[in-house]
Amino acid sequence: MSLTTPPPSDVPLPPVLAEIAEDLEALPAAQRLEMLVELGASVRAVPEPYASDTGLMEQVVECQSPVFVAVELEPADPPSSGRVTLHVSAPKEAPTTRGFAGVLTEGLEGMDASEVLAVPADLPARLGLPELVSPLRVAGMTSLLGRVQRQVRERLDDGRAS
């Protein structure tokens, strides 16, 4: 996996992610990190069966901390309009990583599958993360988004709406 930031995209961010990006951009760096930590504090505990068996989730190995993700897609017609539910497990001892999880759960939760798939890969750059955290952490956030989008695609492809 490359540690480079994806090329800039002209694709607009969905409203909630755009608002998070604007809020982060308006703050000095130290306060941006605080906001990221606050977003991480809002990440809810994963429900059963994931809580007792992280093997049902996908590990995001590019993250420096043990992060696991699972996507559920509600049945809909057409399937691409099914609402996404995102479950992310990230340790409380990793507040920055939990912040990434918080951005994605707050920003993607309840969106249509097609909207989640349209989120550009340069999201971490639009959030100003390269100025705040190491390239490895930016790569972790990029990978977390990529895993979410891949799981959405898989559920659409094989008709596995939850």
C-alpha atoms as a PDB file:
ATOM      1  CA  MET A   1       0.000   0.000   0.000  1.00  0.00           C
ATOM      2  CA  SER A   2       1.278   3.433  -0.906  1.00  0.00           C
ATOM      3  CA  LEU A   3       1.585   6.074   1.772  1.00  0.00           C
ATOM      4  CA  THR A   4       0.903   8.841  -0.696  1.00  0.00           C
ATOM      5  CA  THR A   5      -2.242  10.902  -0.517  1.00  0.00           C
ATOM      6  CA  PRO A   6      -4.730  10.198  -3.312  1.00  0.00           C
ATOM      7  CA  PRO A   7      -4.919  12.915  -5.972  1.00  0.00           C
ATOM      8  CA  PRO A   8      -7.355  15.745  -5.264  1.00  0.00           C
ATOM      9  CA  SER A   9     -10.892  15.165  -6.415  1.00  0.00           C
ATOM     10  CA  ASP A  10     -13.585  17.545  -7.624  1.00  0.00           C
ATOM     11  CA  VAL A  11     -16.288  15.324  -6.133  1.00  0.00           C
ATOM     12  CA  PRO A  12     -18.184  17.223  -3.439  1.00  0.00           C
ATOM     13  CA  LEU A  13     -18.332  15.715   0.020  1.00  0.00           C
ATOM     14  CA  PRO A  14     -21.690  14.611   1.411  1.00  0.00           C
ATOM     15  CA  PRO A  15     -23.222  17.288   3.670  1.00  0.00           C
ATOM     16  CA  VAL A  16     -22.219  15.859   7.066  1.00  0.00           C
ATOM     17  CA  LEU A  17     -18.628  15.177   5.964  1.00  0.00           C
ATOM     18  CA  ALA A  18     -18.459  18.629   4.339  1.00  0.00           C
ATOM     19  CA  GLU A  19     -19.578  20.186   7.624  1.00  0.00           C
ATOM     20  CA  ILE A  20     -16.950  18.237   9.573  1.00  0.00           C
ATOM     21  CA  ALA A  21     -14.280  19.329   7.066  1.00  0.00           C
ATOM     22  CA  GLU A  22     -15.373  22.980   7.341  1.00  0.00           C
ATOM     23  CA  ASP A  23     -15.389  22.815  11.140  1.00  0.00           C
ATOM     24  CA  LEU A  24     -11.894  21.320  11.188  1.00  0.00           C
ATOM     25  CA  GLU A  25     -10.579  23.829   8.660  1.00  0.00           C
ATOM     26  CA  ALA A  26     -11.811  26.744  10.770  1.00  0.00           C
ATOM     27  CA  LEU A  27      -9.736  25.662  13.784  1.00  0.00           C
ATOM     28  CA  PRO A  28      -6.030  25.960  14.595  1.00  0.00           C
ATOM     29  CA  ALA A  29      -4.132  22.658  14.478  1.00  0.00           C
ATOM     30  CA  ALA A  30      -4.247  21.936  18.232  1.00  0.00           C
ATOM     31  CA  GLN A  31      -7.994  22.472  18.334  1.00  0.00           C
ATOM     32  CA  ARG A  32      -8.448  20.306  15.230  1.00  0.00           C
ATOM     33  CA  LEU A  33      -6.818  17.434  17.090  1.00  0.00           C
ATOM     34  CA  GLU A  34      -9.126  18.107  20.053  1.00  0.00           C
ATOM     35  CA  MET A  35     -12.152  17.993  17.746  1.00  0.00           C
ATOM     36  CA  LEU A  36     -10.914  14.733  16.253  1.00  0.00           C
ATOM     37  CA  VAL A  37     -10.570  13.258  19.748  1.00  0.00           C
ATOM     38  CA  GLU A  38     -14.096  14.474  20.600  1.00  0.00           C
ATOM     39  CA  LEU A  39     -15.441  12.766  17.484  1.00  0.00           C
ATOM     40  CA  GLY A  40     -13.677   9.600  18.602  1.00  0.00           C
ATOM     41  CA  ALA A  41     -15.275   9.804  22.025  1.00  0.00           C
ATOM     42  CA  SER A  42     -18.684   9.684  20.339  1.00  0.00           C
ATOM     43  CA  VAL A  43     -18.014   6.325  18.653  1.00  0.00           C
ATOM     44  CA  ARG A  44     -20.562   3.908  20.034  1.00  0.00           C
ATOM     45  CA  ALA A  45     -19.660   0.432  21.209  1.00  0.00           C
ATOM     46  CA  VAL A  46     -20.140  -2.228  18.564  1.00  0.00           C
ATOM     47  CA  PRO A  47     -23.267  -4.338  19.083  1.00  0.00           C
ATOM     48  CA  GLU A  48     -23.533  -8.103  19.188  1.00  0.00           C
ATOM     49  CA  PRO A  49     -22.516 -10.269  17.493  1.00  0.00           C
ATOM     50  CA  TYR A  50     -19.490  -8.092  16.662  1.00  0.00           C
ATOM     51  CA  ALA A  51     -18.719  -7.181  20.282  1.00  0.00           C
ATOM     52  CA  SER A  52     -18.048 -10.777  21.251  1.00  0.00           C
ATOM     53  CA  ASP A  53     -16.509 -11.871  17.947  1.00  0.00           C
ATOM     54  CA  THR A  54     -14.342  -9.348  16.094  1.00  0.00           C
ATOM     55  CA  GLY A  55     -13.686 -12.170  13.622  1.00  0.00           C
ATOM     56  CA  LEU A  56     -17.010 -11.139  12.076  1.00  0.00           C
ATOM     57  CA  MET A  57     -15.433  -7.767  11.326  1.00  0.00           C
ATOM     58  CA  GLU A  58     -12.600  -6.883   8.971  1.00  0.00           C
ATOM     59  CA  GLN A  59      -9.347  -5.690  10.494  1.00  0.00           C
ATOM     60  CA  VAL A  60      -7.852  -2.565   8.970  1.00  0.00           C
ATOM     61  CA  VAL A  61      -4.245  -3.718   9.107  1.00  0.00           C
ATOM     62  CA  GLU A  62      -2.911  -0.398   7.817  1.00  0.00           C
ATOM     63  CA  CYS A  63      -4.014   1.294  11.044  1.00  0.00           C
ATOM     64  CA  GLN A  64      -1.359   1.477  13.742  1.00  0.00           C
ATOM     65  CA  SER A  65      -3.946   0.407  16.331  1.00  0.00           C
ATOM     66  CA  PRO A  66      -6.204  -2.659  16.107  1.00  0.00           C
ATOM     67  CA  VAL A  67      -9.205  -1.344  14.173  1.00  0.00           C
ATOM     68  CA  PHE A  68     -12.058  -3.510  12.936  1.00  0.00           C
ATOM     69  CA  VAL A  69     -14.956  -2.532  10.680  1.00  0.00           C
ATOM     70  CA  ALA A  70     -18.243  -4.078   9.609  1.00  0.00           C
ATOM     71  CA  VAL A  71     -20.847  -2.610   7.290  1.00  0.00           C
ATOM     72  CA  GLU A  72     -24.507  -3.519   7.230  1.00  0.00           C
ATOM     73  CA  LEU A  73     -26.800  -2.528   4.388  1.00  0.00           C
ATOM     74  CA  GLU A  74     -30.547  -2.414   4.815  1.00  0.00           C
ATOM     75  CA  PRO A  75     -32.588  -4.043   2.058  1.00  0.00           C
ATOM     76  CA  ALA A  76     -33.917  -1.562  -0.489  1.00  0.00           C
ATOM     77  CA  ASP A  77     -35.133  -1.315  -4.055  1.00  0.00           C
ATOM     78  CA  PRO A  78     -32.929  -0.401  -5.801  1.00  0.00           C
ATOM     79  CA  PRO A  79     -30.216  -1.921  -3.596  1.00  0.00           C
ATOM     80  CA  SER A  80     -27.982   1.147  -4.032  1.00  0.00           C
ATOM     81  CA  SER A  81     -30.540   3.148  -2.043  1.00  0.00           C
ATOM     82  CA  GLY A  82     -30.138   0.883   0.999  1.00  0.00           C
ATOM     83  CA  ARG A  83     -29.030   2.719   4.120  1.00  0.00           C
ATOM     84  CA  VAL A  84     -25.586   1.955   5.509  1.00  0.00           C
ATOM     85  CA  THR A  85     -24.901   1.117   9.142  1.00  0.00           C
ATOM     86  CA  LEU A  86     -21.250   1.294  10.089  1.00  0.00           C
ATOM     87  CA  HIS A  87     -19.666  -0.498  13.046  1.00  0.00           C
ATOM     88  CA  VAL A  88     -16.078   0.379  13.941  1.00  0.00           C
ATOM     89  CA  SER A  89     -14.088  -1.006  16.839  1.00  0.00           C
ATOM     90  CA  ALA A  90     -11.066   1.095  17.782  1.00  0.00           C
ATOM     91  CA  PRO A  91      -9.328   1.097  21.169  1.00  0.00           C
ATOM     92  CA  LYS A  92      -9.987   3.970  23.568  1.00  0.00           C
ATOM     93  CA  GLU A  93      -6.217   4.136  24.075  1.00  0.00           C
ATOM     94  CA  ALA A  94      -5.921   5.334  20.451  1.00  0.00           C
ATOM     95  CA  PRO A  95      -7.883   8.613  20.473  1.00  0.00           C
ATOM     96  CA  THR A  96      -6.709   9.774  17.045  1.00  0.00           C
ATOM     97  CA  THR A  97      -7.681   6.499  15.423  1.00  0.00           C
ATOM     98  CA  ARG A  98     -11.030   6.600  17.221  1.00  0.00           C
ATOM     99  CA  GLY A  99     -11.360  10.121  15.825  1.00  0.00           C
ATOM    100  CA  PHE A 100     -11.075   8.723  12.304  1.00  0.00           C
ATOM    101  CA  ALA A 101     -13.754   6.178  13.200  1.00  0.00           C
ATOM    102  CA  GLY A 102     -15.883   8.995  14.592  1.00  0.00           C
ATOM    103  CA  VAL A 103     -15.588  11.030  11.402  1.00  0.00           C
ATOM    104  CA  LEU A 104     -16.701   8.068   9.305  1.00  0.00           C
ATOM    105  CA  THR A 105     -19.498   6.868  11.562  1.00  0.00           C
ATOM    106  CA  GLU A 106     -20.900  10.369  11.938  1.00  0.00           C
ATOM    107  CA  GLY A 107     -20.361  11.219   8.282  1.00  0.00           C
ATOM    108  CA  LEU A 108     -21.537   7.988   6.628  1.00  0.00           C
ATOM    109  CA  GLU A 109     -24.115   6.527   9.001  1.00  0.00           C
ATOM    110  CA  GLY A 110     -27.532   6.282   7.383  1.00  0.00           C
ATOM    111  CA  MET A 111     -26.344   7.336   3.932  1.00  0.00           C
ATOM    112  CA  ASP A 112     -27.437   5.440   0.843  1.00  0.00           C
ATOM    113  CA  ALA A 113     -24.921   2.872  -0.365  1.00  0.00           C
ATOM    114  CA  SER A 114     -24.417   4.885  -3.561  1.00  0.00           C
ATOM    115  CA  GLU A 115     -23.556   7.991  -1.520  1.00  0.00           C
ATOM    116  CA  VAL A 116     -20.996   6.098   0.564  1.00  0.00           C
ATOM    117  CA  LEU A 117     -19.377   4.770  -2.603  1.00  0.00           C
ATOM    118  CA  ALA A 118     -19.156   8.317  -3.989  1.00  0.00           C
ATOM    119  CA  VAL A 119     -17.070   9.646  -1.085  1.00  0.00           C
ATOM    120  CA  PRO A 120     -13.711  10.575  -2.630  1.00  0.00           C
ATOM    121  CA  ALA A 121     -10.537   8.796  -1.534  1.00  0.00           C
ATOM    122  CA  ASP A 122      -8.928  12.155  -0.758  1.00  0.00           C
ATOM    123  CA  LEU A 123     -11.240  12.626   2.254  1.00  0.00           C
ATOM    124  CA  PRO A 124      -8.320  12.626   4.751  1.00  0.00           C
ATOM    125  CA  ALA A 125      -6.656  15.476   2.837  1.00  0.00           C
ATOM    126  CA  ARG A 126      -9.919  17.424   2.738  1.00  0.00           C
ATOM    127  CA  LEU A 127     -10.131  17.019   6.497  1.00  0.00           C
ATOM    128  CA  GLY A 128      -6.638  18.517   6.801  1.00  0.00           C
ATOM    129  CA  LEU A 129      -5.226  15.342   8.334  1.00  0.00           C
ATOM    130  CA  PRO A 130      -1.836  15.453   6.544  1.00  0.00           C
ATOM    131  CA  GLU A 131      -1.048  18.637   8.510  1.00  0.00           C
ATOM    132  CA  LEU A 132      -2.056  17.026  11.824  1.00  0.00           C
ATOM    133  CA  VAL A 133      -0.875  13.420  11.834  1.00  0.00           C
ATOM    134  CA  SER A 134       1.816  11.203  10.367  1.00  0.00           C
ATOM    135  CA  PRO A 135       1.578   9.781   6.842  1.00  0.00           C
ATOM    136  CA  LEU A 136       1.041   6.323   8.392  1.00  0.00           C
ATOM    137  CA  ARG A 137      -2.045   7.588  10.211  1.00  0.00           C
ATOM    138  CA  VAL A 138      -3.361   9.270   7.054  1.00  0.00           C
ATOM    139  CA  ALA A 139      -2.872   5.955   5.255  1.00  0.00           C
ATOM    140  CA  GLY A 140      -4.823   4.247   8.031  1.00  0.00           C
ATOM    141  CA  MET A 141      -7.756   6.642   7.595  1.00  0.00           C
ATOM    142  CA  THR A 142      -7.642   6.189   3.817  1.00  0.00           C
ATOM    143  CA  SER A 143      -7.638   2.412   4.290  1.00  0.00           C
ATOM    144  CA  LEU A 144     -10.533   2.548   6.750  1.00  0.00           C
ATOM    145  CA  LEU A 145     -12.635   4.462   4.210  1.00  0.00           C
ATOM    146  CA  GLY A 146     -11.544   2.041   1.480  1.00  0.00           C
ATOM    147  CA  ARG A 147     -12.588  -0.972   3.571  1.00  0.00           C
ATOM    148  CA  VAL A 148     -16.006   0.578   4.238  1.00  0.00           C
ATOM    149  CA  GLN A 149     -16.556   1.255   0.537  1.00  0.00           C
ATOM    150  CA  ARG A 150     -15.378  -2.219  -0.461  1.00  0.00           C
ATOM    151  CA  GLN A 151     -17.740  -3.848   2.034  1.00  0.00           C
ATOM    152  CA  VAL A 152     -20.626  -1.754   0.687  1.00  0.00           C
ATOM    153  CA  ARG A 153     -19.751  -2.871  -2.865  1.00  0.00           C
ATOM    154  CA  GLU A 154     -19.576  -6.506  -1.761  1.00  0.00           C
ATOM    155  CA  ARG A 155     -22.997  -6.323  -0.129  1.00  0.00           C
ATOM    156  CA  LEU A 156     -24.452  -4.762  -3.250  1.00  0.00           C
ATOM    157  CA  ASP A 157     -22.764  -7.317  -5.527  1.00  0.00           C
ATOM    158  CA  ASP A 158     -23.902 -10.374  -3.631  1.00  0.00           C
ATOM    159  CA  GLY A 159     -27.253  -9.026  -2.471  1.00  0.00           C
ATOM    160  CA  ARG A 160     -26.343  -9.319   1.201  1.00  0.00           C
ATOM    161  CA  ALA A 161     -28.412  -6.607   2.709  1.00  0.00           C
ATOM    162  CA  SER A 162     -28.734  -7.103   6.451  1.00  0.00           C
END
